[in-house]
Amino acid sequence: MNDKYTENVGLFKALSDTNRLMIVDILSCGELCACKLLEKFNITQPTLSHHMKILCDCGLVCGRKEGKWMYYSLNSEKVQDFKNFLCAITIDKEDCICKEGVCNCGNQ
């Protein structure tokens, strides 16, 4: 049962930073070179690389190298899976965890 939560906790951690949220927003418009991303922020290249590693490691962003440049884009399948998960845990449904008697929130 906890697999669906465990699978998504890394995404929530990755998105718990303002710069990373902004990077995802910027990449929603399409693939960009790291140099173009860097222009949008007041951060160093190593800091951007750190943020991109976190976003790539959780699967939300894909990176590809072309020559000496790195290009980044959103992983649309992972984004959709995450949106589905977020929707699933924020609506009332027949198979809700609260209906299983596991919740200690008083809504059992």
N, C-alpha and C. Protein backbone atom coordinates (compact mmCIF):
# COMPACT_ATOMS: atom_id res chain seq x y z
N MET A 1 0.82 -1.19 0.00
CA MET A 1 0.00 0.00 0.00
C MET A 1 0.87 1.26 0.00
N ASN A 2 1.96 1.28 0.71
CA ASN A 2 2.78 2.47 0.82
C ASN A 2 3.65 2.72 -0.41
N ASP A 3 3.66 1.78 -1.36
CA ASP A 3 4.49 1.94 -2.55
C ASP A 3 4.18 3.23 -3.30
N LYS A 4 2.90 3.53 -3.46
CA LYS A 4 2.54 4.74 -4.23
C LYS A 4 3.02 6.00 -3.52
N TYR A 5 3.08 5.98 -2.21
CA TYR A 5 3.58 7.14 -1.47
C TYR A 5 5.10 7.21 -1.56
N THR A 6 5.74 6.07 -1.38
CA THR A 6 7.20 5.99 -1.45
C THR A 6 7.70 6.42 -2.82
N GLU A 7 7.01 6.00 -3.87
CA GLU A 7 7.41 6.35 -5.24
C GLU A 7 7.39 7.86 -5.48
N ASN A 8 6.51 8.58 -4.80
CA ASN A 8 6.33 10.00 -5.07
C ASN A 8 7.01 10.94 -4.08
N VAL A 9 7.49 10.41 -2.97
CA VAL A 9 8.10 11.28 -1.97
C VAL A 9 9.32 12.02 -2.53
N GLY A 10 10.08 11.38 -3.40
CA GLY A 10 11.24 12.03 -4.01
C GLY A 10 10.85 13.23 -4.86
N LEU A 11 9.70 13.13 -5.50
CA LEU A 11 9.23 14.26 -6.31
C LEU A 11 8.86 15.45 -5.42
N PHE A 12 8.19 15.16 -4.31
CA PHE A 12 7.85 16.24 -3.38
C PHE A 12 9.11 16.89 -2.82
N LYS A 13 10.10 16.08 -2.49
CA LYS A 13 11.36 16.63 -1.98
C LYS A 13 12.04 17.48 -3.05
N ALA A 14 12.05 17.00 -4.28
CA ALA A 14 12.68 17.74 -5.37
C ALA A 14 11.97 19.07 -5.61
N LEU A 15 10.67 19.09 -5.41
CA LEU A 15 9.90 20.30 -5.68
C LEU A 15 9.80 21.22 -4.47
N SER A 16 10.48 20.88 -3.39
CA SER A 16 10.39 21.68 -2.17
C SER A 16 11.39 22.84 -2.14
N ASP A 17 11.86 23.24 -3.30
CA ASP A 17 12.80 24.35 -3.42
C ASP A 17 12.26 25.33 -4.46
N THR A 18 12.31 26.61 -4.13
CA THR A 18 11.78 27.65 -5.02
C THR A 18 12.44 27.62 -6.39
N ASN A 19 13.76 27.52 -6.43
CA ASN A 19 14.45 27.51 -7.73
C ASN A 19 14.04 26.30 -8.57
N ARG A 20 13.91 25.14 -7.94
CA ARG A 20 13.52 23.95 -8.70
C ARG A 20 12.09 24.06 -9.21
N LEU A 21 11.21 24.64 -8.41
CA LEU A 21 9.84 24.87 -8.90
C LEU A 21 9.86 25.81 -10.11
N MET A 22 10.67 26.84 -10.03
CA MET A 22 10.77 27.78 -11.15
C MET A 22 11.37 27.11 -12.38
N ILE A 23 12.34 26.23 -12.19
CA ILE A 23 12.94 25.50 -13.32
C ILE A 23 11.88 24.65 -14.01
N VAL A 24 11.07 23.96 -13.23
CA VAL A 24 9.99 23.14 -13.81
C VAL A 24 9.03 24.04 -14.58
N ASP A 25 8.69 25.17 -14.02
CA ASP A 25 7.80 26.11 -14.71
C ASP A 25 8.42 26.56 -16.03
N ILE A 26 9.68 26.92 -16.02
CA ILE A 26 10.36 27.36 -17.24
C ILE A 26 10.40 26.24 -18.28
N LEU A 27 10.68 25.02 -17.82
CA LEU A 27 10.77 23.89 -18.76
C LEU A 27 9.41 23.47 -19.29
N SER A 28 8.34 23.95 -18.68
CA SER A 28 6.99 23.63 -19.19
C SER A 28 6.79 24.21 -20.59
N CYS A 29 7.61 25.19 -20.95
CA CYS A 29 7.53 25.79 -22.30
C CYS A 29 8.35 25.03 -23.33
N GLY A 30 9.15 24.06 -22.88
CA GLY A 30 9.94 23.26 -23.81
C GLY A 30 11.39 23.13 -23.37
N GLU A 31 12.13 22.36 -24.14
CA GLU A 31 13.54 22.08 -23.85
C GLU A 31 14.37 23.35 -23.87
N LEU A 32 15.31 23.42 -22.93
CA LEU A 32 16.22 24.57 -22.87
C LEU A 32 17.63 24.12 -22.54
N CYS A 33 18.57 24.87 -23.07
CA CYS A 33 19.97 24.67 -22.76
C CYS A 33 20.21 25.17 -21.33
N ALA A 34 21.14 24.52 -20.63
CA ALA A 34 21.48 24.93 -19.27
C ALA A 34 21.91 26.39 -19.24
N CYS A 35 22.59 26.84 -20.27
CA CYS A 35 23.04 28.25 -20.30
C CYS A 35 21.85 29.20 -20.30
N LYS A 36 20.77 28.84 -20.96
CA LYS A 36 19.56 29.67 -20.99
C LYS A 36 18.85 29.64 -19.63
N LEU A 37 18.85 28.47 -18.98
CA LEU A 37 18.28 28.38 -17.64
C LEU A 37 19.07 29.26 -16.67
N LEU A 38 20.37 29.21 -16.80
CA LEU A 38 21.24 29.97 -15.90
C LEU A 38 20.97 31.47 -16.00
N GLU A 39 20.62 31.94 -17.18
CA GLU A 39 20.32 33.36 -17.39
C GLU A 39 19.10 33.82 -16.58
N LYS A 40 18.23 32.89 -16.23
CA LYS A 40 16.98 33.23 -15.53
C LYS A 40 17.19 33.37 -14.02
N PHE A 41 18.33 32.95 -13.52
CA PHE A 41 18.56 32.91 -12.07
C PHE A 41 19.82 33.67 -11.69
N ASN A 42 19.88 34.06 -10.45
CA ASN A 42 21.07 34.70 -9.90
C ASN A 42 21.84 33.64 -9.09
N ILE A 43 22.24 32.56 -9.78
CA ILE A 43 22.96 31.46 -9.15
C ILE A 43 24.16 31.08 -10.02
N THR A 44 25.07 30.33 -9.45
CA THR A 44 26.24 29.89 -10.19
C THR A 44 25.92 28.63 -10.99
N GLN A 45 26.79 28.31 -11.93
CA GLN A 45 26.61 27.10 -12.73
C GLN A 45 26.63 25.84 -11.86
N PRO A 46 27.53 25.72 -10.87
CA PRO A 46 27.50 24.53 -10.02
C PRO A 46 26.18 24.40 -9.24
N THR A 47 25.61 25.52 -8.83
CA THR A 47 24.33 25.48 -8.12
C THR A 47 23.22 25.01 -9.05
N LEU A 48 23.22 25.52 -10.29
CA LEU A 48 22.24 25.04 -11.26
C LEU A 48 22.42 23.55 -11.49
N SER A 49 23.64 23.09 -11.63
CA SER A 49 23.91 21.67 -11.85
C SER A 49 23.37 20.83 -10.70
N HIS A 50 23.51 21.33 -9.48
CA HIS A 50 22.98 20.63 -8.31
C HIS A 50 21.45 20.50 -8.41
N HIS A 51 20.78 21.60 -8.74
CA HIS A 51 19.32 21.57 -8.88
C HIS A 51 18.90 20.62 -10.00
N MET A 52 19.62 20.65 -11.12
CA MET A 52 19.25 19.80 -12.25
C MET A 52 19.47 18.33 -11.92
N LYS A 53 20.51 18.02 -11.16
CA LYS A 53 20.76 16.64 -10.75
C LYS A 53 19.58 16.12 -9.91
N ILE A 54 19.11 16.93 -8.99
CA ILE A 54 17.98 16.53 -8.15
C ILE A 54 16.74 16.30 -9.01
N LEU A 55 16.46 17.20 -9.93
CA LEU A 55 15.28 17.07 -10.79
C LEU A 55 15.40 15.87 -11.74
N CYS A 56 16.60 15.61 -12.21
CA CYS A 56 16.81 14.45 -13.10
C CYS A 56 16.76 13.15 -12.31
N ASP A 57 17.35 13.14 -11.12
CA ASP A 57 17.38 11.91 -10.31
C ASP A 57 15.97 11.44 -9.92
N CYS A 58 15.05 12.37 -9.71
CA CYS A 58 13.68 11.96 -9.36
C CYS A 58 12.87 11.62 -10.60
N GLY A 59 13.43 11.85 -11.78
CA GLY A 59 12.78 11.49 -13.03
C GLY A 59 11.89 12.56 -13.63
N LEU A 60 11.77 13.70 -12.97
CA LEU A 60 10.89 14.75 -13.45
C LEU A 60 11.46 15.47 -14.67
N VAL A 61 12.78 15.54 -14.75
CA VAL A 61 13.46 16.24 -15.85
C VAL A 61 14.42 15.27 -16.53
N CYS A 62 14.52 15.41 -17.83
CA CYS A 62 15.47 14.62 -18.64
C CYS A 62 16.55 15.57 -19.16
N GLY A 63 17.78 15.08 -19.15
CA GLY A 63 18.88 15.86 -19.69
C GLY A 63 19.55 15.11 -20.83
N ARG A 64 19.99 15.87 -21.80
CA ARG A 64 20.74 15.27 -22.91
C ARG A 64 21.90 16.20 -23.24
N LYS A 65 23.01 15.58 -23.56
CA LYS A 65 24.22 16.34 -23.89
C LYS A 65 24.34 16.44 -25.40
N GLU A 66 24.61 17.66 -25.86
CA GLU A 66 24.85 17.90 -27.28
C GLU A 66 26.11 18.73 -27.37
N GLY A 67 27.20 18.10 -27.79
CA GLY A 67 28.49 18.77 -27.77
C GLY A 67 28.89 19.05 -26.33
N LYS A 68 29.17 20.30 -26.04
CA LYS A 68 29.54 20.65 -24.67
C LYS A 68 28.36 21.18 -23.86
N TRP A 69 27.17 21.23 -24.46
CA TRP A 69 26.00 21.79 -23.80
C TRP A 69 25.06 20.72 -23.29
N MET A 70 24.40 21.01 -22.18
CA MET A 70 23.34 20.15 -21.64
C MET A 70 22.00 20.80 -21.93
N TYR A 71 21.07 20.00 -22.41
CA TYR A 71 19.71 20.46 -22.68
C TYR A 71 18.77 19.70 -21.76
N TYR A 72 17.79 20.42 -21.22
CA TYR A 72 16.87 19.83 -20.25
C TYR A 72 15.44 20.00 -20.71
N SER A 73 14.62 19.00 -20.40
CA SER A 73 13.19 19.05 -20.70
C SER A 73 12.44 18.27 -19.63
N LEU A 74 11.16 18.56 -19.52
CA LEU A 74 10.33 17.81 -18.58
C LEU A 74 10.06 16.42 -19.13
N ASN A 75 10.01 15.45 -18.25
CA ASN A 75 9.61 14.10 -18.60
C ASN A 75 8.09 14.06 -18.50
N SER A 76 7.42 14.22 -19.63
CA SER A 76 5.96 14.37 -19.63
C SER A 76 5.23 13.18 -19.01
N GLU A 77 5.77 11.99 -19.17
CA GLU A 77 5.13 10.81 -18.57
C GLU A 77 5.20 10.88 -17.05
N LYS A 78 6.35 11.25 -16.51
CA LYS A 78 6.52 11.37 -15.06
C LYS A 78 5.66 12.50 -14.51
N VAL A 79 5.59 13.61 -15.24
CA VAL A 79 4.75 14.74 -14.83
C VAL A 79 3.30 14.28 -14.74
N GLN A 80 2.82 13.55 -15.74
CA GLN A 80 1.44 13.08 -15.74
C GLN A 80 1.19 12.10 -14.60
N ASP A 81 2.12 11.19 -14.37
CA ASP A 81 1.98 10.24 -13.25
C ASP A 81 1.89 10.98 -11.93
N PHE A 82 2.71 12.01 -11.77
CA PHE A 82 2.71 12.79 -10.53
C PHE A 82 1.39 13.55 -10.37
N LYS A 83 0.90 14.14 -11.45
CA LYS A 83 -0.38 14.83 -11.41
C LYS A 83 -1.51 13.87 -11.04
N ASN A 84 -1.48 12.68 -11.59
CA ASN A 84 -2.49 11.67 -11.27
C ASN A 84 -2.43 11.28 -9.80
N PHE A 85 -1.21 11.11 -9.28
CA PHE A 85 -1.04 10.75 -7.87
C PHE A 85 -1.57 11.87 -6.98
N LEU A 86 -1.20 13.11 -7.28
CA LEU A 86 -1.65 14.24 -6.47
C LEU A 86 -3.17 14.35 -6.49
N CYS A 87 -3.75 14.15 -7.64
CA CYS A 87 -5.21 14.16 -7.75
C CYS A 87 -5.81 13.03 -6.92
N ALA A 88 -5.23 11.85 -6.99
CA ALA A 88 -5.76 10.69 -6.29
C ALA A 88 -5.73 10.85 -4.77
N ILE A 89 -4.74 11.56 -4.25
CA ILE A 89 -4.66 11.69 -2.79
C ILE A 89 -5.39 12.94 -2.27
N THR A 90 -5.95 13.72 -3.16
CA THR A 90 -6.63 14.94 -2.72
C THR A 90 -8.12 14.94 -3.00
N ILE A 91 -8.67 13.79 -3.37
CA ILE A 91 -10.11 13.68 -3.57
C ILE A 91 -10.65 12.52 -2.73
N ASP A 92 -11.91 12.62 -2.35
CA ASP A 92 -12.57 11.54 -1.63
C ASP A 92 -12.89 10.43 -2.62
N LYS A 93 -12.63 9.21 -2.21
CA LYS A 93 -12.87 8.08 -3.10
C LYS A 93 -13.20 6.85 -2.27
N GLU A 94 -13.76 5.86 -2.90
CA GLU A 94 -14.17 4.64 -2.20
C GLU A 94 -13.01 3.91 -1.54
N ASP A 95 -11.85 3.90 -2.19
CA ASP A 95 -10.71 3.16 -1.64
C ASP A 95 -9.73 4.08 -0.89
N CYS A 96 -10.25 5.17 -0.32
CA CYS A 96 -9.42 6.11 0.42
C CYS A 96 -8.78 5.43 1.62
N ILE A 97 -7.58 5.82 1.94
CA ILE A 97 -6.85 5.26 3.07
C ILE A 97 -7.62 5.44 4.39
N CYS A 98 -8.39 6.53 4.50
CA CYS A 98 -9.18 6.76 5.72
C CYS A 98 -10.27 5.71 5.91
N LYS A 99 -10.74 5.15 4.83
CA LYS A 99 -11.77 4.13 4.92
C LYS A 99 -11.21 2.75 5.28
N GLU A 100 -9.88 2.65 5.28
CA GLU A 100 -9.23 1.39 5.64
C GLU A 100 -8.94 1.32 7.13
N GLY A 101 -9.26 2.38 7.88
CA GLY A 101 -9.02 2.38 9.31
C GLY A 101 -7.57 2.67 9.69
N VAL A 102 -6.77 3.15 8.75
CA VAL A 102 -5.36 3.41 9.01
C VAL A 102 -5.14 4.85 9.47
N CYS A 103 -6.03 5.73 9.13
CA CYS A 103 -5.89 7.16 9.41
C CYS A 103 -6.19 7.45 10.88
N ASN A 104 -5.36 8.26 11.51
CA ASN A 104 -5.59 8.69 12.88
C ASN A 104 -6.14 10.10 12.95
N CYS A 105 -6.75 10.56 11.87
CA CYS A 105 -7.20 11.95 11.80
C CYS A 105 -8.61 12.14 12.37
N GLY A 106 -9.28 11.09 12.80
CA GLY A 106 -10.61 11.22 13.35
C GLY A 106 -11.70 11.13 12.33
N ASN A 107 -11.37 10.90 11.05
CA ASN A 107 -12.37 10.80 9.99
C ASN A 107 -12.68 9.36 9.61
N GLN A 108 -12.51 8.46 10.53
CA GLN A 108 -12.68 7.04 10.20
C GLN A 108 -14.13 6.63 10.16
